[in-house]
């Protein structure tokens, strides 16, 4: 199939598919006419890449385990656990930081309300 057909089948833009290629995540075959040709199995591969990107992983991280995941079930790919753990640590740090910012804002708002009870209130 051609790149446009792959894009339509996966809901991913042609530009994104080309980017996945540049990152080494997809390997189309060049036809005699020079056009990229994609095997029908690449539909699932593009959907898998999209899924992992939606989890917040980078293309570099995905490239470290994609071949294994496409060949086996995710549970059999030892390479994936350290990546998941790193991402989970990053998310927990972001949550901690956002919670701190939220608390600071709430304290500032409460301070303003105490000093000026007629100020606009709301949550």
PDB file of N, CA and C in Angstrom:
ATOM      1  N   UNK A   1       0.837  -1.179   0.000  1.00  0.00           N
ATOM      2  CA  UNK A   1       0.000   0.000   0.000  1.00  0.00           C
ATOM      3  C   UNK A   1       0.880   1.239   0.000  1.00  0.00           C
ATOM      4  N   UNK A   2       0.336   2.320  -0.466  1.00  0.00           N
ATOM      5  CA  UNK A   2       1.053   3.595  -0.535  1.00  0.00           C
ATOM      6  C   UNK A   2       0.919   4.336   0.799  1.00  0.00           C
ATOM      7  N   UNK A   3       1.718   5.359   0.992  1.00  0.00           N
ATOM      8  CA  UNK A   3       1.742   6.097   2.252  1.00  0.00           C
ATOM      9  C   UNK A   3       0.380   6.721   2.579  1.00  0.00           C
ATOM     10  N   UNK A   4      -0.315   7.227   1.576  1.00  0.00           N
ATOM     11  CA  UNK A   4      -1.628   7.809   1.797  1.00  0.00           C
ATOM     12  C   UNK A   4      -2.633   6.779   2.279  1.00  0.00           C
ATOM     13  N   UNK A   5      -2.532   5.584   1.743  1.00  0.00           N
ATOM     14  CA  UNK A   5      -3.427   4.496   2.164  1.00  0.00           C
ATOM     15  C   UNK A   5      -3.129   4.092   3.610  1.00  0.00           C
ATOM     16  N   UNK A   6      -1.854   4.035   3.949  1.00  0.00           N
ATOM     17  CA  UNK A   6      -1.470   3.717   5.322  1.00  0.00           C
ATOM     18  C   UNK A   6      -1.960   4.795   6.283  1.00  0.00           C
ATOM     19  N   UNK A   7      -1.828   6.039   5.874  1.00  0.00           N
ATOM     20  CA  UNK A   7      -2.289   7.152   6.704  1.00  0.00           C
ATOM     21  C   UNK A   7      -3.792   7.044   6.941  1.00  0.00           C
ATOM     22  N   UNK A   8      -4.537   6.775   5.899  1.00  0.00           N
ATOM     23  CA  UNK A   8      -5.992   6.663   6.013  1.00  0.00           C
ATOM     24  C   UNK A   8      -6.378   5.474   6.888  1.00  0.00           C
ATOM     25  N   UNK A   9      -5.709   4.358   6.726  1.00  0.00           N
ATOM     26  CA  UNK A   9      -6.027   3.140   7.482  1.00  0.00           C
ATOM     27  C   UNK A   9      -5.728   3.282   8.974  1.00  0.00           C
ATOM     28  N   UNK A  10      -4.788   4.155   9.323  1.00  0.00           N
ATOM     29  CA  UNK A  10      -4.355   4.274  10.726  1.00  0.00           C
ATOM     30  C   UNK A  10      -4.826   5.549  11.409  1.00  0.00           C
ATOM     31  N   UNK A  11      -5.286   6.516  10.626  1.00  0.00           N
ATOM     32  CA  UNK A  11      -5.666   7.800  11.214  1.00  0.00           C
ATOM     33  C   UNK A  11      -4.464   8.650  11.595  1.00  0.00           C
ATOM     34  N   UNK A  12      -3.318   8.337  11.026  1.00  0.00           N
ATOM     35  CA  UNK A  12      -2.075   9.065  11.289  1.00  0.00           C
ATOM     36  C   UNK A  12      -1.728   9.836  10.018  1.00  0.00           C
ATOM     37  N   UNK A  13      -1.237  11.040  10.157  1.00  0.00           N
ATOM     38  CA  UNK A  13      -0.921  11.858   8.988  1.00  0.00           C
ATOM     39  C   UNK A  13       0.266  11.289   8.203  1.00  0.00           C
ATOM     40  N   UNK A  14       0.304  11.621   6.924  1.00  0.00           N
ATOM     41  CA  UNK A  14       1.426  11.235   6.068  1.00  0.00           C
ATOM     42  C   UNK A  14       2.717  11.795   6.661  1.00  0.00           C
ATOM     43  N   UNK A  15       2.654  13.004   7.146  1.00  0.00           N
ATOM     44  CA  UNK A  15       3.830  13.641   7.752  1.00  0.00           C
ATOM     45  C   UNK A  15       4.351  12.827   8.939  1.00  0.00           C
ATOM     46  N   UNK A  16       3.429  12.351   9.775  1.00  0.00           N
ATOM     47  CA  UNK A  16       3.830  11.539  10.936  1.00  0.00           C
ATOM     48  C   UNK A  16       4.464  10.227  10.486  1.00  0.00           C
ATOM     49  N   UNK A  17       3.888   9.609   9.471  1.00  0.00           N
ATOM     50  CA  UNK A  17       4.448   8.347   8.976  1.00  0.00           C
ATOM     51  C   UNK A  17       5.867   8.570   8.462  1.00  0.00           C
ATOM     52  N   UNK A  18       6.070   9.666   7.746  1.00  0.00           N
ATOM     53  CA  UNK A  18       7.433   9.969   7.282  1.00  0.00           C
ATOM     54  C   UNK A  18       8.370  10.195   8.458  1.00  0.00           C
ATOM     55  N   UNK A  19       7.872  10.838   9.501  1.00  0.00           N
ATOM     56  CA  UNK A  19       8.679  11.065  10.707  1.00  0.00           C
ATOM     57  C   UNK A  19       9.031   9.727  11.361  1.00  0.00           C
ATOM     58  N   UNK A  20       8.067   8.820  11.449  1.00  0.00           N
ATOM     59  CA  UNK A  20       8.348   7.499  12.026  1.00  0.00           C
ATOM     60  C   UNK A  20       9.449   6.802  11.231  1.00  0.00           C
ATOM     61  N   UNK A  21       9.412   6.973   9.924  1.00  0.00           N
ATOM     62  CA  UNK A  21      10.476   6.404   9.082  1.00  0.00           C
ATOM     63  C   UNK A  21      11.824   7.021   9.422  1.00  0.00           C
ATOM     64  N   UNK A  22      11.867   8.346   9.501  1.00  0.00           N
ATOM     65  CA  UNK A  22      13.119   9.049   9.815  1.00  0.00           C
ATOM     66  C   UNK A  22      13.693   8.583  11.146  1.00  0.00           C
ATOM     67  N   UNK A  23      12.808   8.235  12.080  1.00  0.00           N
ATOM     68  CA  UNK A  23      13.231   7.795  13.400  1.00  0.00           C
ATOM     69  C   UNK A  23      13.561   6.304  13.435  1.00  0.00           C
ATOM     70  N   UNK A  24      13.414   5.639  12.311  1.00  0.00           N
ATOM     71  CA  UNK A  24      13.755   4.221  12.228  1.00  0.00           C
ATOM     72  C   UNK A  24      12.681   3.293  12.762  1.00  0.00           C
ATOM     73  N   UNK A  25      11.456   3.790  12.916  1.00  0.00           N
ATOM     74  CA  UNK A  25      10.370   2.965  13.441  1.00  0.00           C
ATOM     75  C   UNK A  25       9.626   2.195  12.344  1.00  0.00           C
ATOM     76  N   UNK A  26       9.703   2.686  11.132  1.00  0.00           N
ATOM     77  CA  UNK A  26       9.075   2.030   9.983  1.00  0.00           C
ATOM     78  C   UNK A  26      10.110   1.853   8.878  1.00  0.00           C
ATOM     79  N   UNK A  27       9.980   0.764   8.153  1.00  0.00           N
ATOM     80  CA  UNK A  27      10.918   0.476   7.072  1.00  0.00           C
ATOM     81  C   UNK A  27      10.149   0.025   5.835  1.00  0.00           C
ATOM     82  N   UNK A  28       9.673   0.982   5.033  1.00  0.00           N
ATOM     83  CA  UNK A  28       8.962   0.605   3.812  1.00  0.00           C
ATOM     84  C   UNK A  28       9.940   0.111   2.752  1.00  0.00           C
ATOM     85  N   UNK A  29       9.382  -0.520   1.768  1.00  0.00           N
ATOM     86  CA  UNK A  29      10.165  -0.987   0.626  1.00  0.00           C
ATOM     87  C   UNK A  29       9.958   0.026  -0.497  1.00  0.00           C
ATOM     88  N   UNK A  30      11.008   0.306  -1.233  1.00  0.00           N
ATOM     89  CA  UNK A  30      10.872   1.196  -2.395  1.00  0.00           C
ATOM     90  C   UNK A  30      10.531   0.357  -3.615  1.00  0.00           C
ATOM     91  N   UNK A  31       9.439   0.721  -4.265  1.00  0.00           N
ATOM     92  CA  UNK A  31       9.039   0.021  -5.482  1.00  0.00           C
ATOM     93  C   UNK A  31       9.911   0.427  -6.643  1.00  0.00           C
ATOM     94  N   UNK A  32       9.732  -0.232  -7.769  1.00  0.00           N
ATOM     95  CA  UNK A  32      10.492   0.083  -8.976  1.00  0.00           C
ATOM     96  C   UNK A  32      10.280   1.506  -9.434  1.00  0.00           C
ATOM     97  N   UNK A  33       9.134   2.076  -9.060  1.00  0.00           N
ATOM     98  CA  UNK A  33       8.826   3.458  -9.429  1.00  0.00           C
ATOM     99  C   UNK A  33       9.375   4.461  -8.418  1.00  0.00           C
ATOM    100  N   UNK A  34      10.032   3.975  -7.369  1.00  0.00           N
ATOM    101  CA  UNK A  34      10.604   4.852  -6.349  1.00  0.00           C
ATOM    102  C   UNK A  34       9.672   5.191  -5.210  1.00  0.00           C
ATOM    103  N   UNK A  35       8.402   4.795  -5.330  1.00  0.00           N
ATOM    104  CA  UNK A  35       7.435   5.082  -4.265  1.00  0.00           C
ATOM    105  C   UNK A  35       7.634   4.141  -3.085  1.00  0.00           C
ATOM    106  N   UNK A  36       7.327   4.653  -1.904  1.00  0.00           N
ATOM    107  CA  UNK A  36       7.355   3.799  -0.721  1.00  0.00           C
ATOM    108  C   UNK A  36       6.170   2.840  -0.795  1.00  0.00           C
ATOM    109  N   UNK A  37       6.426   1.617  -0.430  1.00  0.00           N
ATOM    110  CA  UNK A  37       5.358   0.623  -0.370  1.00  0.00           C
ATOM    111  C   UNK A  37       5.365   0.017   1.027  1.00  0.00           C
ATOM    112  N   UNK A  38       4.188  -0.035   1.622  1.00  0.00           N
ATOM    113  CA  UNK A  38       4.033  -0.511   2.995  1.00  0.00           C
ATOM    114  C   UNK A  38       3.263  -1.817   3.000  1.00  0.00           C
ATOM    115  N   UNK A  39       3.777  -2.761   3.752  1.00  0.00           N
ATOM    116  CA  UNK A  39       3.101  -4.037   3.934  1.00  0.00           C
ATOM    117  C   UNK A  39       1.871  -3.809   4.809  1.00  0.00           C
ATOM    118  N   UNK A  40       0.857  -4.610   4.612  1.00  0.00           N
ATOM    119  CA  UNK A  40      -0.381  -4.452   5.386  1.00  0.00           C
ATOM    120  C   UNK A  40      -0.151  -4.604   6.894  1.00  0.00           C
ATOM    121  N   UNK A  41       0.896  -5.323   7.294  1.00  0.00           N
ATOM    122  CA  UNK A  41       1.203  -5.470   8.723  1.00  0.00           C
ATOM    123  C   UNK A  41       1.640  -4.151   9.355  1.00  0.00           C
ATOM    124  N   UNK A  42       2.043  -3.198   8.538  1.00  0.00           N
ATOM    125  CA  UNK A  42       2.481  -1.909   9.065  1.00  0.00           C
ATOM    126  C   UNK A  42       1.324  -1.077   9.622  1.00  0.00           C
ATOM    127  N   UNK A  43       0.093  -1.445   9.267  1.00  0.00           N
ATOM    128  CA  UNK A  43      -1.066  -0.769   9.851  1.00  0.00           C
ATOM    129  C   UNK A  43      -1.021  -0.962  11.367  1.00  0.00           C
ATOM    130  N   UNK A  44      -0.829  -2.188  11.793  1.00  0.00           N
ATOM    131  CA  UNK A  44      -0.754  -2.477  13.230  1.00  0.00           C
ATOM    132  C   UNK A  44       0.475  -1.822  13.856  1.00  0.00           C
ATOM    133  N   UNK A  45       1.567  -1.789  13.136  1.00  0.00           N
ATOM    134  CA  UNK A  45       2.786  -1.179  13.659  1.00  0.00           C
ATOM    135  C   UNK A  45       2.595   0.314  13.878  1.00  0.00           C
ATOM    136  N   UNK A  46       1.969   1.001  12.935  1.00  0.00           N
ATOM    137  CA  UNK A  46       1.719   2.437  13.086  1.00  0.00           C
ATOM    138  C   UNK A  46       0.760   2.678  14.254  1.00  0.00           C
ATOM    139  N   UNK A  47      -0.264   1.855  14.377  1.00  0.00           N
ATOM    140  CA  UNK A  47      -1.198   1.989  15.510  1.00  0.00           C
ATOM    141  C   UNK A  47      -0.479   1.772  16.837  1.00  0.00           C
ATOM    142  N   UNK A  48       0.458   0.850  16.850  1.00  0.00           N
ATOM    143  CA  UNK A  48       1.232   0.579  18.066  1.00  0.00           C
ATOM    144  C   UNK A  48       2.119   1.768  18.408  1.00  0.00           C
ATOM    145  N   UNK A  49       2.770   2.329  17.409  1.00  0.00           N
ATOM    146  CA  UNK A  49       3.609   3.523  17.625  1.00  0.00           C
ATOM    147  C   UNK A  49       2.753   4.655  18.184  1.00  0.00           C
ATOM    148  N   UNK A  50       1.609   4.869  17.582  1.00  0.00           N
ATOM    149  CA  UNK A  50       0.685   5.928  18.020  1.00  0.00           C
ATOM    150  C   UNK A  50       0.277   5.711  19.478  1.00  0.00           C
ATOM    151  N   UNK A  51      -0.023   4.467  19.842  1.00  0.00           N
ATOM    152  CA  UNK A  51      -0.408   4.130  21.218  1.00  0.00           C
ATOM    153  C   UNK A  51       0.697   4.518  22.205  1.00  0.00           C
ATOM    154  N   UNK A  52       1.920   4.134  21.891  1.00  0.00           N
ATOM    155  CA  UNK A  52       3.023   4.436  22.801  1.00  0.00           C
ATOM    156  C   UNK A  52       3.326   5.937  22.864  1.00  0.00           C
ATOM    157  N   UNK A  53       3.159   6.621  21.758  1.00  0.00           N
ATOM    158  CA  UNK A  53       3.329   8.083  21.776  1.00  0.00           C
ATOM    159  C   UNK A  53       2.267   8.726  22.665  1.00  0.00           C
ATOM    160  N   UNK A  54       1.046   8.191  22.631  1.00  0.00           N
ATOM    161  CA  UNK A  54      -0.031   8.710  23.473  1.00  0.00           C
ATOM    162  C   UNK A  54       0.221   8.440  24.960  1.00  0.00           C
ATOM    163  N   UNK A  55       1.048   7.432  25.257  1.00  0.00           N
ATOM    164  CA  UNK A  55       1.463   7.190  26.646  1.00  0.00           C
ATOM    165  C   UNK A  55       2.525   8.196  27.089  1.00  0.00           C
ATOM    166  N   UNK A  56       3.009   8.995  26.145  1.00  0.00           N
ATOM    167  CA  UNK A  56       4.014   9.996  26.461  1.00  0.00           C
ATOM    168  C   UNK A  56       5.440   9.552  26.228  1.00  0.00           C
ATOM    169  N   UNK A  57       5.601   8.410  25.588  1.00  0.00           N
ATOM    170  CA  UNK A  57       6.952   7.925  25.306  1.00  0.00           C
ATOM    171  C   UNK A  57       7.507   8.625  24.065  1.00  0.00           C
ATOM    172  N   UNK A  58       8.810   8.700  23.983  1.00  0.00           N
ATOM    173  CA  UNK A  58       9.464   9.313  22.829  1.00  0.00           C
ATOM    174  C   UNK A  58       9.696   8.249  21.758  1.00  0.00           C
ATOM    175  N   UNK A  59       9.939   8.709  20.533  1.00  0.00           N
ATOM    176  CA  UNK A  59      10.236   7.756  19.465  1.00  0.00           C
ATOM    177  C   UNK A  59      11.526   6.993  19.765  1.00  0.00           C
ATOM    178  N   UNK A  60      12.460   7.642  20.436  1.00  0.00           N
ATOM    179  CA  UNK A  60      13.706   6.961  20.810  1.00  0.00           C
ATOM    180  C   UNK A  60      13.425   5.824  21.790  1.00  0.00           C
ATOM    181  N   UNK A  61      12.574   6.088  22.774  1.00  0.00           N
ATOM    182  CA  UNK A  61      12.216   5.041  23.731  1.00  0.00           C
ATOM    183  C   UNK A  61      11.486   3.900  23.022  1.00  0.00           C
ATOM    184  N   UNK A  62      10.549   4.258  22.162  1.00  0.00           N
ATOM    185  CA  UNK A  62       9.759   3.254  21.443  1.00  0.00           C
ATOM    186  C   UNK A  62      10.658   2.384  20.572  1.00  0.00           C
ATOM    187  N   UNK A  63      11.644   2.990  19.939  1.00  0.00           N
ATOM    188  CA  UNK A  63      12.523   2.218  19.053  1.00  0.00           C
ATOM    189  C   UNK A  63      13.290   1.143  19.815  1.00  0.00           C
ATOM    190  N   UNK A  64      13.466   1.330  21.113  1.00  0.00           N
ATOM    191  CA  UNK A  64      14.197   0.353  21.916  1.00  0.00           C
ATOM    192  C   UNK A  64      13.449  -0.943  22.163  1.00  0.00           C
ATOM    193  N   UNK A  65      12.127  -0.936  21.985  1.00  0.00           N
ATOM    194  CA  UNK A  65      11.362  -2.158  22.240  1.00  0.00           C
ATOM    195  C   UNK A  65      10.326  -2.485  21.168  1.00  0.00           C
ATOM    196  N   UNK A  66      10.148  -1.634  20.176  1.00  0.00           N
ATOM    197  CA  UNK A  66       9.083  -1.833  19.186  1.00  0.00           C
ATOM    198  C   UNK A  66       9.197  -3.174  18.473  1.00  0.00           C
ATOM    199  N   UNK A  67      10.396  -3.522  18.050  1.00  0.00           N
ATOM    200  CA  UNK A  67      10.574  -4.786  17.330  1.00  0.00           C
ATOM    201  C   UNK A  67      10.094  -5.958  18.185  1.00  0.00           C
ATOM    202  N   UNK A  68      10.451  -5.951  19.452  1.00  0.00           N
ATOM    203  CA  UNK A  68      10.050  -7.020  20.366  1.00  0.00           C
ATOM    204  C   UNK A  68       8.531  -7.064  20.520  1.00  0.00           C
ATOM    205  N   UNK A  69       7.921  -5.904  20.711  1.00  0.00           N
ATOM    206  CA  UNK A  69       6.465  -5.834  20.913  1.00  0.00           C
ATOM    207  C   UNK A  69       5.725  -6.310  19.662  1.00  0.00           C
ATOM    208  N   UNK A  70       6.230  -5.958  18.491  1.00  0.00           N
ATOM    209  CA  UNK A  70       5.573  -6.372  17.257  1.00  0.00           C
ATOM    210  C   UNK A  70       5.713  -7.880  17.030  1.00  0.00           C
ATOM    211  N   UNK A  71       6.755  -8.461  17.567  1.00  0.00           N
ATOM    212  CA  UNK A  71       7.024  -9.884  17.380  1.00  0.00           C
ATOM    213  C   UNK A  71       6.374 -10.734  18.477  1.00  0.00           C
ATOM    214  N   UNK A  72       6.346 -10.211  19.692  1.00  0.00           N
ATOM    215  CA  UNK A  72       5.840 -10.931  20.859  1.00  0.00           C
ATOM    216  C   UNK A  72       4.746 -10.103  21.529  1.00  0.00           C
ATOM    217  N   UNK A  73       4.242 -10.603  22.618  1.00  0.00           N
ATOM    218  CA  UNK A  73       3.348  -9.799  23.445  1.00  0.00           C
ATOM    219  C   UNK A  73       4.204  -8.862  24.288  1.00  0.00           C
ATOM    220  N   UNK A  74       3.631  -7.742  24.666  1.00  0.00           N
ATOM    221  CA  UNK A  74       4.350  -6.745  25.461  1.00  0.00           C
ATOM    222  C   UNK A  74       4.953  -7.363  26.732  1.00  0.00           C
ATOM    223  N   UNK A  75       4.234  -8.272  27.351  1.00  0.00           N
ATOM    224  CA  UNK A  75       4.678  -8.885  28.604  1.00  0.00           C
ATOM    225  C   UNK A  75       5.991  -9.665  28.453  1.00  0.00           C
ATOM    226  N   UNK A  76       6.340 -10.033  27.246  1.00  0.00           N
ATOM    227  CA  UNK A  76       7.555 -10.808  27.016  1.00  0.00           C
ATOM    228  C   UNK A  76       8.744  -9.943  26.608  1.00  0.00           C
ATOM    229  N   UNK A  77       8.571  -8.635  26.660  1.00  0.00           N
ATOM    230  CA  UNK A  77       9.631  -7.711  26.246  1.00  0.00           C
ATOM    231  C   UNK A  77      10.242  -7.037  27.470  1.00  0.00           C
ATOM    232  N   UNK A  78      11.355  -7.572  27.920  1.00  0.00           N
ATOM    233  CA  UNK A  78      12.016  -7.045  29.120  1.00  0.00           C
ATOM    234  C   UNK A  78      12.441  -5.592  28.950  1.00  0.00           C
ATOM    235  N   UNK A  79      12.664  -5.173  27.709  1.00  0.00           N
ATOM    236  CA  UNK A  79      13.130  -3.809  27.444  1.00  0.00           C
ATOM    237  C   UNK A  79      12.109  -2.748  27.831  1.00  0.00           C
ATOM    238  N   UNK A  80      10.845  -3.141  27.954  1.00  0.00           N
ATOM    239  CA  UNK A  80       9.785  -2.156  28.148  1.00  0.00           C
ATOM    240  C   UNK A  80       9.646  -1.705  29.608  1.00  0.00           C
ATOM    241  N   UNK A  81       9.942  -2.572  30.547  1.00  0.00           N
ATOM    242  CA  UNK A  81       9.738  -2.225  31.965  1.00  0.00           C
ATOM    243  C   UNK A  81      10.571  -1.031  32.427  1.00  0.00           C
ATOM    244  N   UNK A  82      11.858  -0.967  32.105  1.00  0.00           N
ATOM    245  CA  UNK A  82      12.620   0.219  32.524  1.00  0.00           C
ATOM    246  C   UNK A  82      12.075   1.512  31.903  1.00  0.00           C
ATOM    247  N   UNK A  83      11.593   1.438  30.679  1.00  0.00           N
ATOM    248  CA  UNK A  83      11.022   2.619  30.020  1.00  0.00           C
ATOM    249  C   UNK A  83       9.749   3.043  30.737  1.00  0.00           C
ATOM    250  N   UNK A  84       8.895   2.075  31.031  1.00  0.00           N
ATOM    251  CA  UNK A  84       7.658   2.380  31.767  1.00  0.00           C
ATOM    252  C   UNK A  84       7.977   2.972  33.140  1.00  0.00           C
ATOM    253  N   UNK A  85       8.948   2.399  33.830  1.00  0.00           N
ATOM    254  CA  UNK A  85       9.296   2.895  35.160  1.00  0.00           C
ATOM    255  C   UNK A  85       9.819   4.329  35.087  1.00  0.00           C
ATOM    256  N   UNK A  86      10.662   4.615  34.104  1.00  0.00           N
ATOM    257  CA  UNK A  86      11.183   5.967  33.930  1.00  0.00           C
ATOM    258  C   UNK A  86      10.037   6.946  33.669  1.00  0.00           C
ATOM    259  N   UNK A  87       9.107   6.556  32.798  1.00  0.00           N
ATOM    260  CA  UNK A  87       7.976   7.437  32.475  1.00  0.00           C
ATOM    261  C   UNK A  87       7.097   7.643  33.697  1.00  0.00           C
ATOM    262  N   UNK A  88       6.866   6.587  34.453  1.00  0.00           N
ATOM    263  CA  UNK A  88       6.062   6.697  35.670  1.00  0.00           C
ATOM    264  C   UNK A  88       6.729   7.627  36.683  1.00  0.00           C
ATOM    265  N   UNK A  89       8.043   7.535  36.823  1.00  0.00           N
ATOM    266  CA  UNK A  89       8.780   8.441  37.711  1.00  0.00           C
ATOM    267  C   UNK A  89       8.629   9.891  37.262  1.00  0.00           C
ATOM    268  N   UNK A  90       8.722  10.121  35.933  1.00  0.00           N
ATOM    269  CA  UNK A  90       8.546  11.478  35.400  1.00  0.00           C
ATOM    270  C   UNK A  90       7.147  12.005  35.700  1.00  0.00           C
ATOM    271  N   UNK A  91       6.139  11.175  35.513  1.00  0.00           N
ATOM    272  CA  UNK A  91       4.754  11.587  35.773  1.00  0.00           C
ATOM    273  C   UNK A  91       4.556  11.887  37.252  1.00  0.00           C
ATOM    274  N   UNK A  92       5.095  11.043  38.107  1.00  0.00           N
ATOM    275  CA  UNK A  92       4.966  11.285  39.550  1.00  0.00           C
ATOM    276  C   UNK A  92       5.628  12.603  39.949  1.00  0.00           C
ATOM    277  N   UNK A  93       6.762  12.920  39.353  1.00  0.00           N
ATOM    278  CA  UNK A  93       7.433  14.187  39.630  1.00  0.00           C
ATOM    279  C   UNK A  93       6.592  15.366  39.130  1.00  0.00           C
ATOM    280  N   UNK A  94       5.998  15.218  37.969  1.00  0.00           N
ATOM    281  CA  UNK A  94       5.119  16.272  37.444  1.00  0.00           C
ATOM    282  C   UNK A  94       3.911  16.476  38.355  1.00  0.00           C
ATOM    283  N   UNK A  95       3.334  15.384  38.834  1.00  0.00           N
ATOM    284  CA  UNK A  95       2.189  15.470  39.749  1.00  0.00           C
ATOM    285  C   UNK A  95       2.606  16.175  41.034  1.00  0.00           C
ATOM    286  N   UNK A  96       3.790  15.818  41.563  1.00  0.00           N
ATOM    287  CA  UNK A  96       4.277  16.457  42.780  1.00  0.00           C
ATOM    288  C   UNK A  96       4.443  17.956  42.574  1.00  0.00           C
ATOM    289  N   UNK A  97       5.049  18.331  41.450  1.00  0.00           N
ATOM    290  CA  UNK A  97       5.269  19.733  41.142  1.00  0.00           C
ATOM    291  C   UNK A  97       3.945  20.475  40.964  1.00  0.00           C
ATOM    292  N   UNK A  98       3.028  19.895  40.206  1.00  0.00           N
ATOM    293  CA  UNK A  98       1.730  20.541  39.995  1.00  0.00           C
ATOM    294  C   UNK A  98       0.937  20.652  41.297  1.00  0.00           C
ATOM    295  N   UNK A  99       1.027  19.652  42.162  1.00  0.00           N
ATOM    296  CA  UNK A  99       0.344  19.715  43.456  1.00  0.00           C
ATOM    297  C   UNK A  99       0.901  20.855  44.301  1.00  0.00           C
ATOM    298  N   UNK A 100       2.204  21.032  44.252  1.00  0.00           N
ATOM    299  CA  UNK A 100       2.844  22.121  44.987  1.00  0.00           C
ATOM    300  C   UNK A 100       2.395  23.478  44.442  1.00  0.00           C
ATOM    301  N   UNK A 101       2.349  23.609  43.137  1.00  0.00           N
ATOM    302  CA  UNK A 101       1.897  24.858  42.512  1.00  0.00           C
ATOM    303  C   UNK A 101       0.446  25.127  42.868  1.00  0.00           C
ATOM    304  N   UNK A 102      -0.376  24.094  42.820  1.00  0.00           N
ATOM    305  CA  UNK A 102      -1.800  24.226  43.149  1.00  0.00           C
ATOM    306  C   UNK A 102      -1.971  24.698  44.585  1.00  0.00           C
ATOM    307  N   UNK A 103      -1.255  24.080  45.511  1.00  0.00           N
ATOM    308  CA  UNK A 103      -1.332  24.465  46.914  1.00  0.00           C
ATOM    309  C   UNK A 103      -0.897  25.915  47.105  1.00  0.00           C
ATOM    310  N   UNK A 104       0.176  26.314  46.442  1.00  0.00           N
ATOM    311  CA  UNK A 104       0.664  27.684  46.523  1.00  0.00           C
ATOM    312  C   UNK A 104      -0.394  28.666  46.030  1.00  0.00           C
ATOM    313  N   UNK A 105      -1.024  28.366  44.900  1.00  0.00           N
ATOM    314  CA  UNK A 105      -2.078  29.229  44.365  1.00  0.00           C
ATOM    315  C   UNK A 105      -3.273  29.308  45.311  1.00  0.00           C
ATOM    316  N   UNK A 106      -3.658  28.173  45.851  1.00  0.00           N
ATOM    317  CA  UNK A 106      -4.793  28.165  46.791  1.00  0.00           C
ATOM    318  C   UNK A 106      -4.479  29.001  48.036  1.00  0.00           C
ATOM    319  N   UNK A 107      -3.241  28.888  48.525  1.00  0.00           N
ATOM    320  CA  UNK A 107      -2.837  29.686  49.693  1.00  0.00           C
ATOM    321  C   UNK A 107      -2.837  31.171  49.366  1.00  0.00           C
ATOM    322  N   UNK A 108      -2.360  31.534  48.182  1.00  0.00           N
ATOM    323  CA  UNK A 108      -2.347  32.942  47.768  1.00  0.00           C
ATOM    324  C   UNK A 108      -3.767  33.483  47.659  1.00  0.00           C
ATOM    325  N   UNK A 109      -4.653  32.695  47.077  1.00  0.00           N
ATOM    326  CA  UNK A 109      -6.052  33.116  46.927  1.00  0.00           C
ATOM    327  C   UNK A 109      -6.719  33.302  48.288  1.00  0.00           C
ATOM    328  N   UNK A 110      -6.451  32.373  49.199  1.00  0.00           N
ATOM    329  CA  UNK A 110      -7.031  32.478  50.544  1.00  0.00           C
ATOM    330  C   UNK A 110      -6.489  33.709  51.260  1.00  0.00           C
ATOM    331  N   UNK A 111      -5.213  33.992  51.090  1.00  0.00           N
ATOM    332  CA  UNK A 111      -4.606  35.175  51.691  1.00  0.00           C
ATOM    333  C   UNK A 111      -5.272  36.449  51.166  1.00  0.00           C
ATOM    334  N   UNK A 112      -5.506  36.496  49.867  1.00  0.00           N
ATOM    335  CA  UNK A 112      -6.169  37.660  49.268  1.00  0.00           C
ATOM    336  C   UNK A 112      -7.585  37.796  49.790  1.00  0.00           C
ATOM    337  N   UNK A 113      -8.300  36.701  49.925  1.00  0.00           N
ATOM    338  CA  UNK A 113      -9.684  36.742  50.441  1.00  0.00           C
ATOM    339  C   UNK A 113      -9.724  37.251  51.878  1.00  0.00           C
ATOM    340  N   UNK A 114      -8.741  36.824  52.688  1.00  0.00           N
ATOM    341  CA  UNK A 114      -8.698  37.282  54.084  1.00  0.00           C
ATOM    342  C   UNK A 114      -8.428  38.785  54.157  1.00  0.00           C
ATOM    343  N   UNK A 115      -7.509  39.245  53.297  1.00  0.00           N
ATOM    344  CA  UNK A 115      -7.162  40.678  53.315  1.00  0.00           C
ATOM    345  C   UNK A 115      -8.238  41.538  52.674  1.00  0.00           C
ATOM    346  N   UNK A 116      -8.970  40.982  51.751  1.00  0.00           N
ATOM    347  CA  UNK A 116      -9.992  41.748  51.048  1.00  0.00           C
ATOM    348  C   UNK A 116     -11.219  40.855  50.838  1.00  0.00           C
ATOM    349  N   UNK A 117     -12.089  40.742  51.848  1.00  0.00           N
ATOM    350  CA  UNK A 117     -13.249  39.840  51.764  1.00  0.00           C
ATOM    351  C   UNK A 117     -14.214  40.198  50.624  1.00  0.00           C
ATOM    352  N   UNK A 118     -14.118  41.415  50.129  1.00  0.00           N
ATOM    353  CA  UNK A 118     -15.014  41.826  49.041  1.00  0.00           C
ATOM    354  C   UNK A 118     -14.464  41.452  47.673  1.00  0.00           C
ATOM    355  N   UNK A 119     -13.270  40.867  47.632  1.00  0.00           N
ATOM    356  CA  UNK A 119     -12.682  40.476  46.335  1.00  0.00           C
ATOM    357  C   UNK A 119     -13.511  39.347  45.721  1.00  0.00           C
ATOM    358  N   UNK A 120     -13.332  39.183  44.444  1.00  0.00           N
ATOM    359  CA  UNK A 120     -14.075  38.143  43.728  1.00  0.00           C
ATOM    360  C   UNK A 120     -13.665  36.784  44.287  1.00  0.00           C
ATOM    361  N   UNK A 121     -14.654  35.996  44.601  1.00  0.00           N
ATOM    362  CA  UNK A 121     -14.355  34.657  45.109  1.00  0.00           C
ATOM    363  C   UNK A 121     -14.802  33.618  44.095  1.00  0.00           C
ATOM    364  N   UNK A 122     -14.376  32.426  44.294  1.00  0.00           N
ATOM    365  CA  UNK A 122     -14.730  31.312  43.428  1.00  0.00           C
ATOM    366  C   UNK A 122     -13.630  30.286  43.434  1.00  0.00           C
ATOM    367  N   UNK A 123     -13.996  29.092  42.984  1.00  0.00           N
ATOM    368  CA  UNK A 123     -13.001  28.011  42.958  1.00  0.00           C
ATOM    369  C   UNK A 123     -12.852  27.456  41.592  1.00  0.00           C
TER     370      UNK A 123
END
